[in-house]
Each structure stands twice: as C-alpha cells, then as structure tokens.
Amino acid sequence: MGNHVGERAVVLGGSMAGLLAARVLAEAYTEVLVVDRDELTGVTAARRGVPQGRHVHGLLARGQQILEELFPGFTEGTTAAGVPTGDLGELRWYFNGVRLQPASTGLVCVSAARPVLESHVRARVDALPNVTFVERCDIVGLVMTPDRGGVTGVRVQRQAEGSVEEVLEADLVVDATGRGSRTPVWLEEAGYERPAEERIKINLTYTTRQYRLPDEGILNGDLSINPVSSPSHPRGAFFSRIEDGKCALSLTGVLGDSAPTDPDGFLDFIRSLPVPDVYDVIKDAEPLDDPVAFRYPASVRRHYEQLERFPDRLLVMGDAACSFNPVYGQGMTVAALEAITLRTYLRQGVSPQPLRFLKDIAKVIDVPWGISAGGDLTFPEVEAPRPLMVRVMNAYMAKLQAAATRDGAITRTFMRVAGLVDPPQALMSPGMVLRVLWNAWRKPLSVPASPKSTPTKAPAQPVG
C-alpha cells in the first residue's frame, strides 16, 4: 500500500465505477468494502442492478488504457479468455448512412459483453487482499456527525432472512450507485441543497439479441458494424463480435421509436436500417436468445461542483454524478478517468476534500458531456437550449463526418477524440479544418468490405 490515508473506505455500488474506485482506494486505506445489493463474486451474466448490461457496450480507448494501467496485462488476459480486439478506426462506422474511410488509430477496442468485461475487472479487484465485497446487501442511508457536517459511515441491511440493520463505519464513503443514486435525497434530508440537474431527453431504446454466425468469414475480418443513429437516419445499430465466438446486436431507436422484441418485428427493424450490412450478416445466423429491450429516457448530469456546501468524507462518482446517453459508450471510460483523479488525491496522502474533488471530476465530465449532449441536440425534436457554440460545433461536425467518408486521416482524428484520447481541439486545428472543408462537399469514396484486404488509396489533399 502506498500513502496511508485512512483505516476504512466504503464504496456503495459494485459496478465499474465502484470497482475502479475500490482499486485506487486499496492503495491508501487499510480496508475497502464494496457494498452491493446483487451477488458479485463469480457472476458473468447481467445483474439486476445493471439493467443495461445485456446490451452492446463500448469501452473507449482511454478506458482501455486506464484499465491496463490499473491492472497490468488486463487486455492480454481478456484476449486469452476469448475476447476479440481490434483497432477502433478500422471498424465499419456509418454516419448518415455512409461509411467512414477506415484508418489505423493505434487504439485498442476490447469487444466483450458488459458482464464479461466487468467480471474481469471484478476478479482483479477481488484479488486485492484488503478489498472485501459485501454482497446481497441493501444500502439504507448515511450515518452523519451530530452537526451533519460529515459522514461517518453507512447504514445497511443484508438480504439474508433475519438480518437487521447495521452500521459500517468509514473514514470515506464513495457513492457509485449509478443514476438511481440517493445522494441528492440524503443531502436534502441533512439540510443541504440538492445539486442542479441538467437533462437531455433523448428517449432512447436498446433492443438486443445475441447470435452465432454460421461462418465468421462473412464479416471479412471486421470486428463491428455500426450504422450510427442521426437525424437523417434515426434508426441505428451496433453489431459486434464478442467472446466465445458469439455476436451481439443492439438496435437503437430514439425519440420514442424502438425495435420490437418479437423475432419478426426485430428482423423488420434490421431491414429498415440505412445500410444492409447488418441484415446480410445475421439473416442466416443462429439466434442464441430472445430480443430484450432497455429504455433510457434522458442523459442526466448532476452539478455537484456548483454546491457551496457538501458533507466531509463523502464522494460521488460514475453515473451517480453524470449518466451519459449509452450510444456514445462513455460511461465506463469516464468512471476510469474519475478513478485516476481520485488516485491523484490519495497519492498526496490525504483524504480528498469533497467539493474540490467534485469540481475536478466536473472537468473530466465536461468533454464527454459536450460530445454526447451535442450529438443528441442534432435531433430537432430534442427539447433543450442550443447555445450558439453548440449550433456552430454541430454544423462543423456534420461537415467533418461527411469529409471522413473520403479521408481516413479525418476518421483517425475523429476516433481518437471520440475515444477520449485526444482533446476536441485536435478536430479544429488549421490542417484538420482544411481537410474537412476540402472533402466535405465531395462525393464519398467507396469502401471495401474489409480495410485489411483491399486498402483504399487516400485522396489527394490540398497543401497546408
């Protein structure tokens, strides 16, 4: 253990944000408890507490890099367990019904089902000698000091018959319970203000089914086919090869549209996608389960950083602070970035001052929130303010996506920014703006089925 900060930290919630928080807390606290209402140990299926776990998930490139930093050999271990990987820029990306030119980004895409990916992280955290999972245990509330100025523990009740409420004392409590977090209610009950909330109502539905292909050769070596939803083509899909030779298909509908969960209706929705690629791949595939739907009404950002008062020894992380539209695949990676922020504080040998920490993770949230909220606001039906900067950036991004259908260098930079590896400013450098303007108005180039088999010659570019 590195710098010793305290005796016990309690993490509320055993999903990705909670697991990564526990990983860094284990470096600074004698004991770390992870409390969750579900069973955690050995679980590789979707859990009740993670209803989105059945659907296609994206671990962005920066998230993969952080997992590798926190758990050396993580990617190699998942690959050895049958999880396929690929380059983020070489997937089949379709925007507005047209494929982006593929390009090597050097960024690794780990293509695992969410429960499987989470189980690999959980196993590494569980192996830490000072971390204990408190499973099948309901979280009742916080225990606070007499003056309500700080938190001293949590009240919990185990689900086993005959259990009574008990107190877990703690030097630090981390709320990683997700978008259903009760911290705003607890704050109000203790005489604090609730945080202001920002909502972007997209009314998204994921409908997912898994398949086994009769011949993986039909994919021409590609890892994923992703016709992304847009105002011109609102229906979208994410089709990915995952572990154990299986494939997962998540169909996306926005603004109240959704793919049916009956097999015939599900197939009809696939036929309605802007490109035939997904239907061509799965029409002869073996379904492994029935379609299942998940509804996501709105992205929600809780602005804890704007509060003037906040209890000592309490932090909020992950979806409890900001829940992103899942089509952008940002949630797990933002949780990883927040864990790195927490680690920076702990390595100073002191418990984080909550408001300062919440202001710092707000800076972590700003860029991905701008990407996802800005993307949702391209749909005219989404009711939310559209400042001039948002309108200008959305107009530019439309041109950039059109230009990327001709120029793989634009795809490369776009994916590195979307992967939260490079800053958004990389899309607006003078050279990139020139590439975008040069290519945006020109007819898209045809893209072969697999970039590895028939490389596309890059178009001529203007000097500068």
Protein backbone atom coordinates (compact mmCIF):
# COMPACT_ATOMS: atom_id res chain seq x y z
CA MET A 1 0.00 0.00 0.00
CA GLY A 2 1.28 3.50 -0.81
CA ASN A 3 0.42 6.64 1.17
CA HIS A 4 -1.80 5.66 4.10
CA VAL A 5 -4.90 7.89 4.25
CA GLY A 6 -7.35 6.06 6.50
CA GLU A 7 -8.48 2.79 8.02
CA ARG A 8 -11.67 2.02 6.10
CA ALA A 9 -13.29 3.24 2.88
CA VAL A 10 -16.77 2.06 1.90
CA VAL A 11 -17.81 2.07 -1.75
CA LEU A 12 -21.54 1.99 -2.46
CA GLY A 13 -22.13 0.06 -5.69
CA GLY A 14 -20.12 -2.72 -7.30
CA SER A 15 -20.39 -1.73 -10.96
CA MET A 16 -17.47 -0.38 -12.99
CA ALA A 17 -17.25 2.98 -11.20
CA GLY A 18 -17.34 1.29 -7.79
CA LEU A 19 -14.79 -1.36 -8.74
CA LEU A 20 -12.32 1.19 -10.09
CA ALA A 21 -12.80 3.40 -7.05
CA ALA A 22 -12.07 0.38 -4.84
CA ARG A 23 -8.94 -0.37 -6.86
CA VAL A 24 -7.37 3.03 -6.17
CA LEU A 25 -8.68 3.27 -2.61
CA ALA A 26 -6.94 -0.02 -1.83
CA GLU A 27 -3.63 1.79 -2.24
CA ALA A 28 -4.44 4.23 0.58
CA TYR A 29 -6.86 2.57 3.05
CA THR A 30 -6.25 -0.42 5.30
CA GLU A 31 -9.64 -1.88 4.36
CA VAL A 32 -12.04 -1.24 1.46
CA LEU A 33 -15.60 -2.56 1.48
CA VAL A 34 -17.69 -2.67 -1.72
CA VAL A 35 -21.41 -2.86 -0.89
CA ASP A 36 -23.93 -4.01 -3.50
CA ARG A 37 -27.46 -5.41 -3.42
CA ASP A 38 -26.55 -8.03 -6.06
CA GLU A 39 -24.33 -11.07 -5.88
CA LEU A 40 -20.93 -10.14 -7.31
CA THR A 41 -18.43 -12.97 -6.89
CA GLY A 42 -18.11 -15.19 -9.94
CA VAL A 43 -21.00 -13.52 -11.79
CA THR A 44 -20.61 -13.27 -15.57
CA ALA A 45 -24.26 -12.62 -16.51
CA ALA A 46 -26.20 -9.36 -16.49
CA ARG A 47 -27.15 -8.27 -12.97
CA ARG A 48 -30.40 -6.74 -11.76
CA GLY A 49 -28.52 -3.63 -10.68
CA VAL A 50 -27.06 -3.14 -14.18
CA PRO A 51 -30.10 -3.50 -16.49
CA GLN A 52 -28.12 -2.09 -19.41
CA GLY A 53 -25.65 -4.96 -19.01
CA ARG A 54 -27.36 -7.13 -21.63
CA HIS A 55 -26.68 -4.64 -24.40
CA VAL A 56 -23.66 -3.85 -26.57
CA HIS A 57 -21.17 -1.74 -24.63
CA GLY A 58 -18.20 0.25 -25.75
CA LEU A 59 -15.04 0.56 -23.69
CA LEU A 60 -13.48 3.66 -25.20
CA ALA A 61 -9.77 3.67 -25.94
CA ARG A 62 -8.85 5.87 -22.99
CA GLY A 63 -10.76 3.50 -20.72
CA GLN A 64 -8.80 0.54 -22.06
CA GLN A 65 -5.55 2.40 -21.43
CA ILE A 66 -6.52 3.15 -17.83
CA LEU A 67 -7.58 -0.46 -17.16
CA GLU A 68 -4.19 -1.53 -18.46
CA GLU A 69 -2.52 0.95 -16.11
CA LEU A 70 -4.52 -0.15 -13.07
CA PHE A 71 -4.42 -3.86 -13.92
CA PRO A 72 -1.23 -4.62 -15.88
CA GLY A 73 -1.83 -7.31 -18.51
CA PHE A 74 -5.59 -6.73 -18.46
CA THR A 75 -6.06 -6.64 -22.25
CA GLU A 76 -3.84 -9.68 -22.78
CA GLY A 77 -5.86 -11.53 -20.16
CA THR A 78 -9.20 -10.78 -21.78
CA THR A 79 -7.84 -11.75 -25.19
CA ALA A 80 -6.58 -15.06 -23.77
CA ALA A 81 -10.11 -15.63 -22.43
CA GLY A 82 -11.56 -15.34 -25.93
CA VAL A 83 -12.46 -11.64 -26.09
CA PRO A 84 -11.75 -10.24 -29.58
CA THR A 85 -9.99 -6.91 -30.08
CA GLY A 86 -9.47 -4.57 -32.99
CA ASP A 87 -8.47 -1.06 -33.99
CA LEU A 88 -11.18 1.50 -33.25
CA GLY A 89 -10.74 3.23 -36.60
CA GLU A 90 -10.96 0.04 -38.63
CA LEU A 91 -14.48 -0.90 -37.56
CA ARG A 92 -17.33 -0.40 -40.03
CA TRP A 93 -18.61 3.02 -38.98
CA TYR A 94 -21.59 4.52 -40.80
CA PHE A 95 -22.75 8.09 -40.27
CA ASN A 96 -25.78 9.40 -42.14
CA GLY A 97 -25.90 6.08 -43.97
CA VAL A 98 -22.38 6.40 -45.44
CA ARG A 99 -19.28 4.55 -44.28
CA LEU A 100 -16.33 6.45 -42.91
CA GLN A 101 -12.99 5.74 -44.54
CA PRO A 102 -11.23 3.27 -42.21
CA ALA A 103 -7.92 4.26 -40.67
CA SER A 104 -5.47 2.83 -38.18
CA THR A 105 -5.64 4.77 -34.91
CA GLY A 106 -3.40 2.66 -32.70
CA LEU A 107 -6.30 2.45 -30.25
CA VAL A 108 -7.49 -0.92 -28.97
CA CYS A 109 -11.19 -1.80 -28.97
CA VAL A 110 -11.94 -4.58 -26.45
CA SER A 111 -15.15 -6.23 -27.67
CA ALA A 112 -16.69 -8.05 -24.71
CA ALA A 113 -20.21 -8.24 -23.35
CA ARG A 114 -20.55 -5.82 -20.43
CA PRO A 115 -20.96 -8.55 -17.75
CA VAL A 116 -17.88 -10.36 -19.04
CA LEU A 117 -15.74 -7.22 -19.14
CA GLU A 118 -16.96 -6.27 -15.67
CA SER A 119 -16.21 -9.78 -14.37
CA HIS A 120 -12.57 -9.46 -15.47
CA VAL A 121 -12.25 -6.16 -13.61
CA ARG A 122 -14.09 -7.57 -10.59
CA ALA A 123 -11.77 -10.58 -10.41
CA ARG A 124 -8.71 -8.33 -10.35
CA VAL A 125 -10.22 -6.14 -7.62
CA ASP A 126 -11.35 -9.18 -5.62
CA ALA A 127 -7.78 -10.44 -5.66
CA LEU A 128 -6.62 -7.39 -3.70
CA PRO A 129 -6.08 -8.57 -0.10
CA ASN A 130 -7.66 -5.52 1.57
CA VAL A 131 -10.83 -5.35 -0.57
CA THR A 132 -13.99 -7.16 0.54
CA PHE A 133 -17.28 -7.46 -1.35
CA VAL A 134 -20.34 -7.03 0.87
CA GLU A 135 -22.85 -8.73 -1.42
CA ARG A 136 -26.65 -9.03 -1.36
CA CYS A 137 -26.81 -6.07 0.97
CA ASP A 138 -29.22 -3.14 0.71
CA ILE A 139 -27.99 0.40 1.34
CA VAL A 140 -30.31 2.16 3.80
CA GLY A 141 -28.66 5.56 4.30
CA LEU A 142 -25.70 7.57 5.52
CA VAL A 143 -24.51 7.97 9.10
CA MET A 144 -23.53 11.57 9.79
CA THR A 145 -21.85 13.53 12.56
CA PRO A 146 -24.16 15.22 15.11
CA ASP A 147 -23.74 18.58 13.34
CA ARG A 148 -24.38 16.94 9.92
CA GLY A 149 -21.06 18.29 8.72
CA GLY A 150 -19.62 14.97 7.65
CA VAL A 151 -20.24 11.28 7.05
CA THR A 152 -19.00 8.60 9.45
CA GLY A 153 -20.44 5.50 7.80
CA VAL A 154 -23.42 3.89 6.12
CA ARG A 155 -26.47 2.00 7.34
CA VAL A 156 -27.02 -1.29 5.52
CA GLN A 157 -29.15 -4.40 5.82
CA ARG A 158 -28.18 -7.77 4.44
CA GLN A 159 -30.82 -9.63 2.44
CA ALA A 160 -30.44 -12.89 4.33
CA GLU A 161 -33.54 -13.81 6.33
CA GLY A 162 -33.46 -12.49 9.87
CA SER A 163 -30.88 -9.78 9.14
CA VAL A 164 -31.14 -6.47 10.97
CA GLU A 165 -29.90 -3.03 10.05
CA GLU A 166 -26.22 -2.49 10.84
CA VAL A 167 -23.71 0.35 10.56
CA LEU A 168 -20.48 0.14 8.56
CA GLU A 169 -18.20 2.81 9.97
CA ALA A 170 -15.97 4.53 7.41
CA ASP A 171 -13.34 7.21 7.06
CA LEU A 172 -14.59 7.78 3.49
CA VAL A 173 -17.78 6.83 1.66
CA VAL A 174 -17.96 6.81 -2.14
CA ASP A 175 -21.36 6.80 -3.84
CA ALA A 176 -21.05 4.79 -7.06
CA THR A 177 -24.66 3.55 -7.10
CA GLY A 178 -25.43 4.85 -10.60
CA ARG A 179 -28.16 7.06 -11.99
CA GLY A 180 -30.52 5.93 -9.22
CA SER A 181 -28.23 7.43 -6.55
CA ARG A 182 -30.00 8.68 -3.43
CA THR A 183 -27.31 11.20 -2.51
CA PRO A 184 -29.48 14.16 -3.62
CA VAL A 185 -32.23 12.94 -1.26
CA TRP A 186 -29.77 12.31 1.57
CA LEU A 187 -28.33 15.80 1.16
CA GLU A 188 -31.76 17.38 1.36
CA GLU A 189 -32.66 15.35 4.44
CA ALA A 190 -29.47 16.57 6.12
CA GLY A 191 -30.20 20.23 5.39
CA TYR A 192 -28.04 20.63 2.28
CA GLU A 193 -29.14 21.78 -1.17
CA ARG A 194 -29.75 19.23 -3.87
CA PRO A 195 -27.46 19.60 -6.90
CA ALA A 196 -28.86 21.26 -10.01
CA GLU A 197 -29.63 18.70 -12.74
CA GLU A 198 -29.18 19.05 -16.48
CA ARG A 199 -31.29 16.69 -18.58
CA ILE A 200 -31.18 15.88 -22.29
CA LYS A 201 -34.29 13.86 -23.11
CA ILE A 202 -33.44 11.54 -25.99
CA ASN A 203 -35.91 8.72 -25.15
CA LEU A 204 -33.56 6.01 -26.38
CA THR A 205 -34.37 2.31 -26.59
CA TYR A 206 -31.82 -0.50 -26.99
CA THR A 207 -33.15 -3.85 -28.18
CA THR A 208 -30.55 -6.62 -28.18
CA ARG A 209 -30.13 -10.19 -29.32
CA GLN A 210 -27.11 -12.49 -29.48
CA TYR A 211 -26.21 -14.75 -32.41
CA ARG A 212 -23.76 -17.34 -33.59
CA LEU A 213 -22.69 -16.93 -37.20
CA PRO A 214 -22.56 -19.99 -39.48
CA ASP A 215 -19.31 -18.64 -40.88
CA GLU A 216 -17.35 -15.73 -39.38
CA GLY A 217 -15.85 -15.20 -42.83
CA ILE A 218 -18.96 -13.27 -43.76
CA LEU A 219 -17.56 -10.38 -41.68
CA ASN A 220 -14.36 -10.26 -43.77
CA GLY A 221 -12.34 -9.96 -40.58
CA ASP A 222 -14.24 -6.95 -39.27
CA LEU A 223 -14.93 -6.69 -35.55
CA SER A 224 -18.00 -4.49 -35.64
CA ILE A 225 -20.65 -2.91 -37.90
CA ASN A 226 -22.07 0.34 -36.57
CA PRO A 227 -24.66 2.35 -38.52
CA VAL A 228 -24.97 5.25 -36.07
CA SER A 229 -28.28 6.99 -35.49
CA SER A 230 -28.55 10.51 -36.92
CA PRO A 231 -31.36 12.96 -37.74
CA SER A 232 -31.30 11.80 -41.38
CA HIS A 233 -31.32 8.11 -40.34
CA PRO A 234 -32.72 7.88 -36.78
CA ARG A 235 -32.60 4.10 -36.57
CA GLY A 236 -29.20 2.70 -35.69
CA ALA A 237 -27.39 -0.44 -34.63
CA PHE A 238 -24.22 -1.77 -33.01
CA PHE A 239 -23.20 -5.25 -34.16
CA SER A 240 -20.08 -6.72 -32.56
CA ARG A 241 -18.21 -9.96 -32.35
CA ILE A 242 -17.82 -10.77 -28.65
CA GLU A 243 -16.35 -13.57 -26.55
CA ASP A 244 -16.77 -17.31 -27.19
CA GLY A 245 -17.43 -16.89 -30.91
CA LYS A 246 -20.73 -15.08 -30.29
CA CYS A 247 -22.04 -11.83 -31.75
CA ALA A 248 -24.27 -9.22 -30.14
CA LEU A 249 -26.64 -6.90 -31.97
CA SER A 250 -28.18 -3.86 -30.29
CA LEU A 251 -30.75 -1.93 -32.32
CA THR A 252 -31.26 1.69 -31.28
CA GLY A 253 -34.40 3.79 -31.56
CA VAL A 254 -34.69 7.40 -30.44
CA LEU A 255 -37.49 9.83 -29.62
CA GLY A 256 -39.91 7.02 -28.78
CA ASP A 257 -39.07 4.70 -31.68
CA SER A 258 -37.95 1.23 -30.69
CA ALA A 259 -37.24 -2.15 -32.23
CA PRO A 260 -39.89 -4.78 -31.37
CA THR A 261 -38.90 -7.68 -29.14
CA ASP A 262 -40.71 -10.31 -31.22
CA PRO A 263 -38.35 -12.05 -33.68
CA ASP A 264 -40.20 -10.99 -36.86
CA GLY A 265 -40.52 -7.38 -35.76
CA PHE A 266 -36.86 -7.35 -34.70
CA LEU A 267 -35.84 -8.57 -38.16
CA ASP A 268 -38.05 -5.99 -39.87
CA PHE A 269 -36.33 -3.24 -37.90
CA ILE A 270 -32.95 -4.55 -39.08
CA ARG A 271 -34.17 -4.34 -42.67
CA SER A 272 -35.10 -0.71 -42.11
CA LEU A 273 -31.53 0.32 -41.19
CA PRO A 274 -29.83 2.74 -43.61
CA VAL A 275 -27.34 0.08 -44.77
CA PRO A 276 -27.87 -3.64 -45.49
CA ASP A 277 -24.66 -4.86 -43.83
CA VAL A 278 -26.19 -5.95 -40.52
CA TYR A 279 -29.09 -7.81 -42.15
CA ASP A 280 -26.74 -9.51 -44.62
CA VAL A 281 -24.66 -10.85 -41.71
CA ILE A 282 -27.43 -12.07 -39.39
CA LYS A 283 -30.11 -13.29 -41.81
CA ASP A 284 -28.72 -16.84 -41.69
CA ALA A 285 -27.26 -16.65 -38.17
CA GLU A 286 -28.43 -18.74 -35.22
CA PRO A 287 -30.21 -16.67 -32.54
CA LEU A 288 -28.96 -17.55 -29.06
CA ASP A 289 -31.68 -15.76 -27.08
CA ASP A 290 -34.80 -13.65 -27.42
CA PRO A 291 -34.62 -9.89 -28.05
CA VAL A 292 -34.65 -7.82 -24.86
CA ALA A 293 -35.25 -4.06 -24.57
CA PHE A 294 -33.79 -1.36 -22.33
CA ARG A 295 -35.17 2.17 -22.19
CA TYR A 296 -33.04 5.21 -21.45
CA PRO A 297 -35.19 8.34 -21.20
CA ALA A 298 -32.59 11.06 -20.65
CA SER A 299 -28.95 11.86 -20.02
CA VAL A 300 -28.62 13.40 -16.57
CA ARG A 301 -25.78 15.50 -15.21
CA ARG A 302 -25.84 16.44 -11.54
CA HIS A 303 -23.83 19.59 -10.95
CA TYR A 304 -22.40 18.81 -7.52
CA GLU A 305 -19.49 21.13 -8.30
CA GLN A 306 -21.86 24.11 -8.12
CA LEU A 307 -22.84 23.47 -4.49
CA GLU A 308 -21.44 25.73 -1.77
CA ARG A 309 -21.69 23.11 0.98
CA PHE A 310 -21.14 19.35 0.94
CA PRO A 311 -20.55 16.80 3.71
CA ASP A 312 -16.97 15.84 4.54
CA ARG A 313 -15.79 12.29 3.79
CA LEU A 314 -18.38 11.72 1.03
CA LEU A 315 -17.64 11.50 -2.70
CA VAL A 316 -19.85 10.84 -5.74
CA MET A 317 -18.55 9.09 -8.87
CA GLY A 318 -19.69 7.45 -12.09
CA ASP A 319 -23.30 7.58 -13.24
CA ALA A 320 -24.27 8.92 -9.83
CA ALA A 321 -22.62 12.17 -10.93
CA CYS A 322 -23.37 12.01 -14.66
CA SER A 323 -25.27 9.44 -16.70
CA PHE A 324 -24.49 9.64 -20.43
CA ASN A 325 -26.52 8.52 -23.44
CA PRO A 326 -25.08 4.99 -23.78
CA VAL A 327 -24.76 5.09 -27.58
CA TYR A 328 -21.58 7.14 -27.12
CA GLY A 329 -20.01 4.44 -24.93
CA GLN A 330 -18.59 6.95 -22.44
CA GLY A 331 -19.78 5.76 -19.03
CA MET A 332 -17.11 3.19 -18.17
CA THR A 333 -14.29 5.37 -19.50
CA VAL A 334 -15.42 8.45 -17.57
CA ALA A 335 -15.57 6.28 -14.43
CA ALA A 336 -11.98 5.23 -15.13
CA LEU A 337 -10.88 8.85 -15.58
CA GLU A 338 -12.56 9.76 -12.29
CA ALA A 339 -10.74 6.90 -10.57
CA ILE A 340 -7.43 8.30 -11.83
CA THR A 341 -8.45 11.71 -10.43
CA LEU A 342 -9.17 10.08 -7.07
CA ARG A 343 -5.82 8.30 -7.18
CA THR A 344 -4.04 11.65 -7.67
CA TYR A 345 -5.58 12.94 -4.44
CA LEU A 346 -4.81 9.78 -2.50
CA ARG A 347 -1.17 9.83 -3.55
CA GLN A 348 -0.87 13.16 -1.74
CA GLY A 349 -1.54 11.23 1.46
CA VAL A 350 -4.79 12.98 2.36
CA SER A 351 -8.49 12.25 2.02
CA PRO A 352 -9.97 14.27 -0.87
CA GLN A 353 -11.80 17.47 0.09
CA PRO A 354 -15.22 16.64 -1.43
CA LEU A 355 -16.11 19.89 -3.19
CA ARG A 356 -12.63 20.20 -4.64
CA PHE A 357 -12.81 16.62 -5.90
CA LEU A 358 -16.29 17.17 -7.35
CA LYS A 359 -15.04 20.27 -9.18
CA ASP A 360 -12.16 18.25 -10.60
CA ILE A 361 -14.33 15.40 -11.87
CA ALA A 362 -16.67 18.02 -13.37
CA LYS A 363 -13.72 18.95 -15.60
CA VAL A 364 -13.37 15.26 -16.52
CA ILE A 365 -17.08 15.15 -17.39
CA ASP A 366 -17.12 18.36 -19.45
CA VAL A 367 -15.67 16.95 -22.69
CA PRO A 368 -17.65 13.70 -22.93
CA TRP A 369 -20.83 15.53 -21.86
CA GLY A 370 -20.22 18.08 -24.61
CA ILE A 371 -19.81 15.26 -27.15
CA SER A 372 -22.91 13.30 -26.14
CA ALA A 373 -25.20 16.25 -25.37
CA GLY A 374 -24.10 18.00 -28.56
CA GLY A 375 -24.78 14.85 -30.57
CA ASP A 376 -28.26 14.47 -29.08
CA LEU A 377 -29.05 18.10 -29.83
CA THR A 378 -28.61 17.48 -33.55
CA PHE A 379 -32.11 15.94 -33.37
CA PRO A 380 -34.50 18.90 -33.74
CA GLU A 381 -37.14 17.14 -31.63
CA VAL A 382 -34.89 17.10 -28.53
CA GLU A 383 -36.08 19.91 -26.27
CA ALA A 384 -33.11 21.71 -24.76
CA PRO A 385 -31.28 25.04 -25.12
CA ARG A 386 -28.90 25.25 -28.07
CA PRO A 387 -26.30 27.96 -27.44
CA LEU A 388 -24.54 29.43 -30.44
CA MET A 389 -21.40 27.39 -29.77
CA VAL A 390 -23.41 24.14 -29.83
CA ARG A 391 -25.04 25.10 -33.13
CA VAL A 392 -21.70 26.04 -34.69
CA MET A 393 -19.99 22.85 -33.49
CA ASN A 394 -22.84 20.62 -34.69
CA ALA A 395 -22.69 22.24 -38.13
CA TYR A 396 -18.94 21.66 -38.24
CA MET A 397 -19.26 18.06 -37.06
CA ALA A 398 -21.76 17.35 -39.84
CA LYS A 399 -19.17 18.53 -42.35
CA LEU A 400 -16.42 16.59 -40.61
CA GLN A 401 -18.38 13.33 -40.72
CA ALA A 402 -19.12 13.87 -44.39
CA ALA A 403 -15.44 14.57 -45.05
CA ALA A 404 -14.41 11.43 -43.14
CA THR A 405 -16.22 9.34 -45.76
CA ARG A 406 -13.40 10.40 -48.11
CA ASP A 407 -10.37 10.89 -45.89
CA GLY A 408 -9.14 8.29 -43.41
CA ALA A 409 -6.92 10.86 -41.67
CA ILE A 410 -10.09 12.63 -40.54
CA THR A 411 -11.55 9.33 -39.34
CA ARG A 412 -8.37 8.69 -37.37
CA THR A 413 -8.52 12.02 -35.53
CA PHE A 414 -12.29 11.78 -35.05
CA MET A 415 -11.99 8.36 -33.41
CA ARG A 416 -9.11 9.44 -31.18
CA VAL A 417 -11.22 12.35 -29.92
CA ALA A 418 -14.34 10.19 -29.55
CA GLY A 419 -12.18 7.66 -27.68
CA LEU A 420 -11.28 10.45 -25.19
CA VAL A 421 -7.59 10.04 -26.00
CA ASP A 422 -7.05 13.31 -27.92
CA PRO A 423 -8.67 16.64 -26.97
CA PRO A 424 -11.52 18.09 -29.10
CA GLN A 425 -9.13 20.82 -30.25
CA ALA A 426 -7.47 18.20 -32.47
CA LEU A 427 -10.56 18.35 -34.70
CA MET A 428 -10.18 22.08 -35.14
CA SER A 429 -6.51 22.51 -35.93
CA PRO A 430 -5.88 24.55 -39.11
CA GLY A 431 -4.76 21.47 -41.03
CA MET A 432 -7.81 19.45 -39.96
CA VAL A 433 -10.24 22.27 -40.81
CA LEU A 434 -8.65 22.49 -44.25
CA ARG A 435 -9.06 18.73 -44.77
CA VAL A 436 -12.70 18.91 -43.67
CA LEU A 437 -13.56 21.80 -45.98
CA TRP A 438 -11.70 20.17 -48.90
CA ASN A 439 -13.56 16.85 -48.57
CA ALA A 440 -16.96 17.72 -47.12
CA TRP A 441 -18.62 18.71 -50.39
CA ARG A 442 -17.17 15.87 -52.49
CA LYS A 443 -18.79 12.54 -53.24
CA PRO A 444 -17.88 9.79 -50.72
CA LEU A 445 -15.36 7.18 -51.85
CA SER A 446 -16.44 3.54 -51.91
CA VAL A 447 -15.05 1.46 -49.06
CA PRO A 448 -14.22 -2.24 -49.43
CA ALA A 449 -15.81 -4.75 -47.09
CA SER A 450 -12.61 -5.14 -45.13
CA PRO A 451 -9.91 -2.45 -44.95
CA LYS A 452 -7.32 -5.12 -44.32
CA SER A 453 -7.98 -6.96 -47.56
CA THR A 454 -8.26 -4.09 -50.05
CA PRO A 455 -6.66 -0.87 -48.85
CA THR A 456 -8.20 2.33 -50.16
CA LYS A 457 -5.92 4.86 -51.72
CA ALA A 458 -6.06 8.16 -49.85
CA PRO A 459 -7.45 11.09 -51.87
CA ALA A 460 -5.23 13.95 -52.86
CA GLN A 461 -5.10 16.73 -50.30
CA PRO A 462 -4.52 20.46 -50.57
CA VAL A 463 -1.15 21.75 -49.45
CA GLY A 464 -1.12 23.31 -46.00
